[in-house]
Amino acid sequence: VINAWARSHNLDKAERALDLYKQMCELYEASGQSNEKVRPNVIIYNAVMNACAFTMGDSIEQHRAMEIAHSMLTQLEKSEHGTP
């Protein structure tokens, strides 16, 4: 679903992708970190960053997308998935 948002033409796709990522994190934590189906992985991080990279819109929208992408990269570096 995150990948679908990344490929969409919606202006708020970076925010939507981030929201889905956050929902996955919440579900994973709520499962006691046992539900591997909702555990964010490197593919999820990449999909959110792709949504950011292809964000259209005004400078405010693009700036927010860059903030999200930077945040995702930082989280990925700190995650158990290793260095990007």
PDB file of N, CA and C in Angstrom:
ATOM      1  N   VAL A   1       0.831  -1.193   0.000  1.00  0.00           N
ATOM      2  CA  VAL A   1       0.000   0.000   0.000  1.00  0.00           C
ATOM      3  C   VAL A   1       0.877   1.259   0.000  1.00  0.00           C
ATOM      4  N   ILE A   2       1.964   1.220   0.758  1.00  0.00           N
ATOM      5  CA  ILE A   2       2.856   2.382   0.785  1.00  0.00           C
ATOM      6  C   ILE A   2       3.441   2.620  -0.601  1.00  0.00           C
ATOM      7  N   ASN A   3       3.794   1.548  -1.286  1.00  0.00           N
ATOM      8  CA  ASN A   3       4.340   1.671  -2.632  1.00  0.00           C
ATOM      9  C   ASN A   3       3.313   2.282  -3.585  1.00  0.00           C
ATOM     10  N   ALA A   4       2.045   1.936  -3.404  1.00  0.00           N
ATOM     11  CA  ALA A   4       0.987   2.511  -4.238  1.00  0.00           C
ATOM     12  C   ALA A   4       0.899   4.019  -4.009  1.00  0.00           C
ATOM     13  N   TRP A   5       1.006   4.449  -2.766  1.00  0.00           N
ATOM     14  CA  TRP A   5       1.006   5.883  -2.479  1.00  0.00           C
ATOM     15  C   TRP A   5       2.216   6.550  -3.112  1.00  0.00           C
ATOM     16  N   ALA A   6       3.371   5.890  -3.046  1.00  0.00           N
ATOM     17  CA  ALA A   6       4.587   6.462  -3.617  1.00  0.00           C
ATOM     18  C   ALA A   6       4.448   6.690  -5.115  1.00  0.00           C
ATOM     19  N   ARG A   7       3.695   5.844  -5.785  1.00  0.00           N
ATOM     20  CA  ARG A   7       3.528   5.944  -7.237  1.00  0.00           C
ATOM     21  C   ARG A   7       2.339   6.814  -7.647  1.00  0.00           C
ATOM     22  N   SER A   8       1.566   7.231  -6.668  1.00  0.00           N
ATOM     23  CA  SER A   8       0.371   8.016  -6.984  1.00  0.00           C
ATOM     24  C   SER A   8       0.738   9.437  -7.375  1.00  0.00           C
ATOM     25  N   HIS A   9      -0.260  10.177  -7.827  1.00  0.00           N
ATOM     26  CA  HIS A   9      -0.073  11.577  -8.196  1.00  0.00           C
ATOM     27  C   HIS A   9      -0.625  12.511  -7.121  1.00  0.00           C
ATOM     28  N   ASN A  10      -0.967  11.956  -5.965  1.00  0.00           N
ATOM     29  CA  ASN A  10      -1.504  12.768  -4.871  1.00  0.00           C
ATOM     30  C   ASN A  10      -0.418  13.667  -4.289  1.00  0.00           C
ATOM     31  N   LEU A  11      -0.792  14.872  -3.944  1.00  0.00           N
ATOM     32  CA  LEU A  11       0.172  15.827  -3.414  1.00  0.00           C
ATOM     33  C   LEU A  11       0.643  15.463  -2.015  1.00  0.00           C
ATOM     34  N   ASP A  12      -0.188  14.779  -1.245  1.00  0.00           N
ATOM     35  CA  ASP A  12       0.157  14.469   0.143  1.00  0.00           C
ATOM     36  C   ASP A  12       0.695  13.052   0.310  1.00  0.00           C
ATOM     37  N   LYS A  13       1.263  12.486  -0.751  1.00  0.00           N
ATOM     38  CA  LYS A  13       1.663  11.083  -0.691  1.00  0.00           C
ATOM     39  C   LYS A  13       2.781  10.815   0.311  1.00  0.00           C
ATOM     40  N   ALA A  14       3.676  11.752   0.540  1.00  0.00           N
ATOM     41  CA  ALA A  14       4.728  11.533   1.538  1.00  0.00           C
ATOM     42  C   ALA A  14       4.124  11.414   2.933  1.00  0.00           C
ATOM     43  N   GLU A  15       3.182  12.291   3.247  1.00  0.00           N
ATOM     44  CA  GLU A  15       2.507  12.231   4.551  1.00  0.00           C
ATOM     45  C   GLU A  15       1.698  10.940   4.696  1.00  0.00           C
ATOM     46  N   ARG A  16       1.005  10.551   3.643  1.00  0.00           N
ATOM     47  CA  ARG A  16       0.207   9.313   3.675  1.00  0.00           C
ATOM     48  C   ARG A  16       1.098   8.101   3.896  1.00  0.00           C
ATOM     49  N   ALA A  17       2.229   8.058   3.186  1.00  0.00           N
ATOM     50  CA  ALA A  17       3.163   6.941   3.336  1.00  0.00           C
ATOM     51  C   ALA A  17       3.728   6.912   4.762  1.00  0.00           C
ATOM     52  N   LEU A  18       4.053   8.082   5.296  1.00  0.00           N
ATOM     53  CA  LEU A  18       4.551   8.167   6.669  1.00  0.00           C
ATOM     54  C   LEU A  18       3.498   7.687   7.657  1.00  0.00           C
ATOM     55  N   ASP A  19       2.252   8.081   7.452  1.00  0.00           N
ATOM     56  CA  ASP A  19       1.168   7.637   8.339  1.00  0.00           C
ATOM     57  C   ASP A  19       1.036   6.115   8.338  1.00  0.00           C
ATOM     58  N   LEU A  20       1.131   5.505   7.166  1.00  0.00           N
ATOM     59  CA  LEU A  20       1.055   4.043   7.086  1.00  0.00           C
ATOM     60  C   LEU A  20       2.241   3.395   7.790  1.00  0.00           C
ATOM     61  N   TYR A  21       3.414   3.955   7.625  1.00  0.00           N
ATOM     62  CA  TYR A  21       4.598   3.457   8.326  1.00  0.00           C
ATOM     63  C   TYR A  21       4.380   3.514   9.837  1.00  0.00           C
ATOM     64  N   LYS A  22       3.876   4.642  10.325  1.00  0.00           N
ATOM     65  CA  LYS A  22       3.619   4.797  11.764  1.00  0.00           C
ATOM     66  C   LYS A  22       2.592   3.786  12.257  1.00  0.00           C
ATOM     67  N   GLN A  23       1.550   3.533  11.460  1.00  0.00           N
ATOM     68  CA  GLN A  23       0.546   2.531  11.830  1.00  0.00           C
ATOM     69  C   GLN A  23       1.183   1.145  11.931  1.00  0.00           C
ATOM     70  N   MET A  24       2.076   0.838  10.990  1.00  0.00           N
ATOM     71  CA  MET A  24       2.776  -0.447  11.043  1.00  0.00           C
ATOM     72  C   MET A  24       3.599  -0.557  12.325  1.00  0.00           C
ATOM     73  N   CYS A  25       4.302   0.506  12.679  1.00  0.00           N
ATOM     74  CA  CYS A  25       5.109   0.500  13.903  1.00  0.00           C
ATOM     75  C   CYS A  25       4.235   0.287  15.134  1.00  0.00           C
ATOM     76  N   GLU A  26       3.099   0.973  15.173  1.00  0.00           N
ATOM     77  CA  GLU A  26       2.180   0.830  16.302  1.00  0.00           C
ATOM     78  C   GLU A  26       1.632  -0.591  16.399  1.00  0.00           C
ATOM     79  N   LEU A  27       1.253  -1.160  15.268  1.00  0.00           N
ATOM     80  CA  LEU A  27       0.749  -2.531  15.264  1.00  0.00           C
ATOM     81  C   LEU A  27       1.825  -3.524  15.699  1.00  0.00           C
ATOM     82  N   TYR A  28       3.032  -3.301  15.246  1.00  0.00           N
ATOM     83  CA  TYR A  28       4.133  -4.179  15.611  1.00  0.00           C
ATOM     84  C   TYR A  28       4.403  -4.100  17.112  1.00  0.00           C
ATOM     85  N   GLU A  29       4.421  -2.895  17.647  1.00  0.00           N
ATOM     86  CA  GLU A  29       4.627  -2.724  19.088  1.00  0.00           C
ATOM     87  C   GLU A  29       3.475  -3.320  19.883  1.00  0.00           C
ATOM     88  N   ALA A  30       2.246  -3.131  19.401  1.00  0.00           N
ATOM     89  CA  ALA A  30       1.064  -3.663  20.102  1.00  0.00           C
ATOM     90  C   ALA A  30       1.056  -5.188  20.120  1.00  0.00           C
ATOM     91  N   SER A  31       1.710  -5.793  19.149  1.00  0.00           N
ATOM     92  CA  SER A  31       1.762  -7.265  19.096  1.00  0.00           C
ATOM     93  C   SER A  31       2.869  -7.815  19.986  1.00  0.00           C
ATOM     94  N   GLY A  32       3.532  -6.933  20.718  1.00  0.00           N
ATOM     95  CA  GLY A  32       4.647  -7.375  21.537  1.00  0.00           C
ATOM     96  C   GLY A  32       5.862  -7.701  20.679  1.00  0.00           C
ATOM     97  N   GLN A  33       5.925  -7.091  19.531  1.00  0.00           N
ATOM     98  CA  GLN A  33       6.983  -7.282  18.537  1.00  0.00           C
ATOM     99  C   GLN A  33       7.049  -8.722  18.051  1.00  0.00           C
ATOM    100  N   SER A  34       5.880  -9.336  17.982  1.00  0.00           N
ATOM    101  CA  SER A  34       5.844 -10.733  17.540  1.00  0.00           C
ATOM    102  C   SER A  34       5.204 -10.903  16.168  1.00  0.00           C
ATOM    103  N   ASN A  35       4.460  -9.904  15.697  1.00  0.00           N
ATOM    104  CA  ASN A  35       3.797 -10.021  14.403  1.00  0.00           C
ATOM    105  C   ASN A  35       4.728  -9.526  13.303  1.00  0.00           C
ATOM    106  N   GLU A  36       5.441 -10.446  12.698  1.00  0.00           N
ATOM    107  CA  GLU A  36       6.424 -10.098  11.675  1.00  0.00           C
ATOM    108  C   GLU A  36       5.785  -9.514  10.415  1.00  0.00           C
ATOM    109  N   LYS A  37       4.490  -9.742  10.210  1.00  0.00           N
ATOM    110  CA  LYS A  37       3.814  -9.234   9.018  1.00  0.00           C
ATOM    111  C   LYS A  37       3.696  -7.718   9.017  1.00  0.00           C
ATOM    112  N   VAL A  38       3.723  -7.107  10.171  1.00  0.00           N
ATOM    113  CA  VAL A  38       3.600  -5.646  10.249  1.00  0.00           C
ATOM    114  C   VAL A  38       4.889  -4.984  10.721  1.00  0.00           C
ATOM    115  N   ARG A  39       5.953  -5.747  10.807  1.00  0.00           N
ATOM    116  CA  ARG A  39       7.243  -5.200  11.218  1.00  0.00           C
ATOM    117  C   ARG A  39       7.868  -4.432  10.052  1.00  0.00           C
ATOM    118  N   PRO A  40       8.122  -3.134  10.234  1.00  0.00           N
ATOM    119  CA  PRO A  40       8.749  -2.370   9.156  1.00  0.00           C
ATOM    120  C   PRO A  40      10.129  -2.945   8.813  1.00  0.00           C
ATOM    121  N   ASN A  41      10.415  -3.021   7.527  1.00  0.00           N
ATOM    122  CA  ASN A  41      11.717  -3.502   7.075  1.00  0.00           C
ATOM    123  C   ASN A  41      12.304  -2.501   6.082  1.00  0.00           C
ATOM    124  N   VAL A  42      13.437  -2.840   5.512  1.00  0.00           N
ATOM    125  CA  VAL A  42      14.128  -1.913   4.622  1.00  0.00           C
ATOM    126  C   VAL A  42      13.268  -1.559   3.402  1.00  0.00           C
ATOM    127  N   ILE A  43      12.429  -2.461   2.962  1.00  0.00           N
ATOM    128  CA  ILE A  43      11.545  -2.193   1.821  1.00  0.00           C
ATOM    129  C   ILE A  43      10.536  -1.104   2.173  1.00  0.00           C
ATOM    130  N   ILE A  44      10.027  -1.141   3.376  1.00  0.00           N
ATOM    131  CA  ILE A  44       9.059  -0.131   3.829  1.00  0.00           C
ATOM    132  C   ILE A  44       9.736   1.235   3.928  1.00  0.00           C
ATOM    133  N   TYR A  45      10.921   1.270   4.547  1.00  0.00           N
ATOM    134  CA  TYR A  45      11.649   2.536   4.632  1.00  0.00           C
ATOM    135  C   TYR A  45      11.870   3.112   3.229  1.00  0.00           C
ATOM    136  N   ASN A  46      12.292   2.255   2.309  1.00  0.00           N
ATOM    137  CA  ASN A  46      12.560   2.695   0.943  1.00  0.00           C
ATOM    138  C   ASN A  46      11.293   3.206   0.259  1.00  0.00           C
ATOM    139  N   ALA A  47      10.171   2.548   0.470  1.00  0.00           N
ATOM    140  CA  ALA A  47       8.911   2.969  -0.149  1.00  0.00           C
ATOM    141  C   ALA A  47       8.501   4.360   0.339  1.00  0.00           C
ATOM    142  N   VAL A  48       8.675   4.613   1.632  1.00  0.00           N
ATOM    143  CA  VAL A  48       8.343   5.945   2.165  1.00  0.00           C
ATOM    144  C   VAL A  48       9.278   6.990   1.561  1.00  0.00           C
ATOM    145  N   MET A  49      10.563   6.673   1.481  1.00  0.00           N
ATOM    146  CA  MET A  49      11.508   7.625   0.893  1.00  0.00           C
ATOM    147  C   MET A  49      11.228   7.852  -0.592  1.00  0.00           C
ATOM    148  N   ASN A  50      10.760   6.824  -1.297  1.00  0.00           N
ATOM    149  CA  ASN A  50      10.377   7.004  -2.701  1.00  0.00           C
ATOM    150  C   ASN A  50       9.185   7.946  -2.823  1.00  0.00           C
ATOM    151  N   ALA A  51       8.231   7.810  -1.930  1.00  0.00           N
ATOM    152  CA  ALA A  51       7.086   8.727  -1.937  1.00  0.00           C
ATOM    153  C   ALA A  51       7.568  10.158  -1.758  1.00  0.00           C
ATOM    154  N   CYS A  52       8.557  10.334  -0.893  1.00  0.00           N
ATOM    155  CA  CYS A  52       9.124  11.671  -0.669  1.00  0.00           C
ATOM    156  C   CYS A  52       9.861  12.172  -1.901  1.00  0.00           C
ATOM    157  N   ALA A  53      10.634  11.293  -2.516  1.00  0.00           N
ATOM    158  CA  ALA A  53      11.460  11.694  -3.656  1.00  0.00           C
ATOM    159  C   ALA A  53      10.636  12.170  -4.843  1.00  0.00           C
ATOM    160  N   PHE A  54       9.450  11.620  -4.992  1.00  0.00           N
ATOM    161  CA  PHE A  54       8.626  11.966  -6.147  1.00  0.00           C
ATOM    162  C   PHE A  54       7.434  12.840  -5.773  1.00  0.00           C
ATOM    163  N   THR A  55       7.549  13.552  -4.659  1.00  0.00           N
ATOM    164  CA  THR A  55       6.493  14.461  -4.234  1.00  0.00           C
ATOM    165  C   THR A  55       6.457  15.691  -5.123  1.00  0.00           C
ATOM    166  N   MET A  56       5.270  16.016  -5.582  1.00  0.00           N
ATOM    167  CA  MET A  56       5.045  17.229  -6.366  1.00  0.00           C
ATOM    168  C   MET A  56       4.403  18.259  -5.440  1.00  0.00           C
ATOM    169  N   GLY A  57       4.149  19.405  -5.958  1.00  0.00           N
ATOM    170  CA  GLY A  57       3.472  20.422  -5.171  1.00  0.00           C
ATOM    171  C   GLY A  57       4.351  21.629  -4.958  1.00  0.00           C
ATOM    172  N   ASP A  58       3.914  22.474  -4.066  1.00  0.00           N
ATOM    173  CA  ASP A  58       4.646  23.714  -3.819  1.00  0.00           C
ATOM    174  C   ASP A  58       5.884  23.446  -2.969  1.00  0.00           C
ATOM    175  N   SER A  59       6.618  24.493  -2.695  1.00  0.00           N
ATOM    176  CA  SER A  59       7.874  24.343  -1.956  1.00  0.00           C
ATOM    177  C   SER A  59       7.644  23.847  -0.527  1.00  0.00           C
ATOM    178  N   ILE A  60       6.517  24.203   0.060  1.00  0.00           N
ATOM    179  CA  ILE A  60       6.213  23.732   1.419  1.00  0.00           C
ATOM    180  C   ILE A  60       6.011  22.220   1.417  1.00  0.00           C
ATOM    181  N   GLU A  61       5.258  21.718   0.447  1.00  0.00           N
ATOM    182  CA  GLU A  61       5.020  20.279   0.315  1.00  0.00           C
ATOM    183  C   GLU A  61       6.338  19.538   0.070  1.00  0.00           C
ATOM    184  N   GLN A  62       7.171  20.070  -0.784  1.00  0.00           N
ATOM    185  CA  GLN A  62       8.444  19.421  -1.095  1.00  0.00           C
ATOM    186  C   GLN A  62       9.403  19.480   0.094  1.00  0.00           C
ATOM    187  N   HIS A  63       9.382  20.580   0.823  1.00  0.00           N
ATOM    188  CA  HIS A  63      10.223  20.699   2.015  1.00  0.00           C
ATOM    189  C   HIS A  63       9.800  19.668   3.058  1.00  0.00           C
ATOM    190  N   ARG A  64       8.505  19.520   3.257  1.00  0.00           N
ATOM    191  CA  ARG A  64       8.017  18.524   4.221  1.00  0.00           C
ATOM    192  C   ARG A  64       8.424  17.126   3.783  1.00  0.00           C
ATOM    193  N   ALA A  65       8.351  16.838   2.491  1.00  0.00           N
ATOM    194  CA  ALA A  65       8.762  15.526   1.978  1.00  0.00           C
ATOM    195  C   ALA A  65      10.242  15.280   2.268  1.00  0.00           C
ATOM    196  N   MET A  66      11.066  16.301   2.135  1.00  0.00           N
ATOM    197  CA  MET A  66      12.491  16.156   2.443  1.00  0.00           C
ATOM    198  C   MET A  66      12.710  15.888   3.926  1.00  0.00           C
ATOM    199  N   GLU A  67      11.923  16.533   4.772  1.00  0.00           N
ATOM    200  CA  GLU A  67      12.022  16.281   6.213  1.00  0.00           C
ATOM    201  C   GLU A  67      11.671  14.830   6.527  1.00  0.00           C
ATOM    202  N   ILE A  68      10.613  14.333   5.903  1.00  0.00           N
ATOM    203  CA  ILE A  68      10.193  12.955   6.116  1.00  0.00           C
ATOM    204  C   ILE A  68      11.272  11.991   5.625  1.00  0.00           C
ATOM    205  N   ALA A  69      11.805  12.247   4.446  1.00  0.00           N
ATOM    206  CA  ALA A  69      12.851  11.379   3.894  1.00  0.00           C
ATOM    207  C   ALA A  69      14.073  11.351   4.808  1.00  0.00           C
ATOM    208  N   HIS A  70      14.477  12.494   5.299  1.00  0.00           N
ATOM    209  CA  HIS A  70      15.629  12.557   6.211  1.00  0.00           C
ATOM    210  C   HIS A  70      15.335  11.783   7.490  1.00  0.00           C
ATOM    211  N   SER A  71      14.144  11.944   8.024  1.00  0.00           N
ATOM    212  CA  SER A  71      13.749  11.224   9.230  1.00  0.00           C
ATOM    213  C   SER A  71      13.765   9.710   9.002  1.00  0.00           C
ATOM    214  N   MET A  72      13.272   9.280   7.847  1.00  0.00           N
ATOM    215  CA  MET A  72      13.250   7.850   7.541  1.00  0.00           C
ATOM    216  C   MET A  72      14.672   7.305   7.403  1.00  0.00           C
ATOM    217  N   LEU A  73      15.544   8.050   6.765  1.00  0.00           N
ATOM    218  CA  LEU A  73      16.924   7.610   6.611  1.00  0.00           C
ATOM    219  C   LEU A  73      17.600   7.489   7.977  1.00  0.00           C
ATOM    220  N   THR A  74      17.360   8.466   8.841  1.00  0.00           N
ATOM    221  CA  THR A  74      17.922   8.433  10.188  1.00  0.00           C
ATOM    222  C   THR A  74      17.406   7.221  10.960  1.00  0.00           C
ATOM    223  N   GLN A  75      16.103   6.962  10.864  1.00  0.00           N
ATOM    224  CA  GLN A  75      15.525   5.805  11.551  1.00  0.00           C
ATOM    225  C   GLN A  75      16.063   4.499  10.987  1.00  0.00           C
ATOM    226  N   LEU A  76      16.242   4.442   9.680  1.00  0.00           N
ATOM    227  CA  LEU A  76      16.794   3.241   9.054  1.00  0.00           C
ATOM    228  C   LEU A  76      18.214   2.988   9.548  1.00  0.00           C
ATOM    229  N   GLU A  77      19.016   4.036   9.647  1.00  0.00           N
ATOM    230  CA  GLU A  77      20.386   3.881  10.132  1.00  0.00           C
ATOM    231  C   GLU A  77      20.429   3.352  11.556  1.00  0.00           C
ATOM    232  N   LYS A  78      19.442   3.734  12.361  1.00  0.00           N
ATOM    233  CA  LYS A  78      19.390   3.295  13.763  1.00  0.00           C
ATOM    234  C   LYS A  78      18.734   1.927  13.926  1.00  0.00           C
ATOM    235  N   SER A  79      18.056   1.464  12.882  1.00  0.00           N
ATOM    236  CA  SER A  79      17.305   0.208  12.977  1.00  0.00           C
ATOM    237  C   SER A  79      18.217  -0.991  12.877  1.00  0.00           C
ATOM    238  N   GLU A  80      17.646  -2.148  13.120  1.00  0.00           N
ATOM    239  CA  GLU A  80      18.397  -3.399  13.032  1.00  0.00           C
ATOM    240  C   GLU A  80      18.624  -3.815  11.585  1.00  0.00           C
ATOM    241  N   HIS A  81      18.117  -3.057  10.650  1.00  0.00           N
ATOM    242  CA  HIS A  81      18.264  -3.405   9.238  1.00  0.00           C
ATOM    243  C   HIS A  81      19.603  -2.965   8.670  1.00  0.00           C
ATOM    244  N   GLY A  82      20.397  -2.310   9.487  1.00  0.00           N
ATOM    245  CA  GLY A  82      21.739  -1.969   9.067  1.00  0.00           C
ATOM    246  C   GLY A  82      21.865  -0.615   8.431  1.00  0.00           C
ATOM    247  N   THR A  83      23.027  -0.361   7.957  1.00  0.00           N
ATOM    248  CA  THR A  83      23.358   0.903   7.320  1.00  0.00           C
ATOM    249  C   THR A  83      22.871   0.885   5.884  1.00  0.00           C
ATOM    250  N   PRO A  84      22.219   1.963   5.444  1.00  0.00           N
ATOM    251  CA  PRO A  84      21.732   2.005   4.064  1.00  0.00           C
ATOM    252  C   PRO A  84      22.865   2.037   3.052  1.00  0.00           C
TER     253      PRO A  84
END
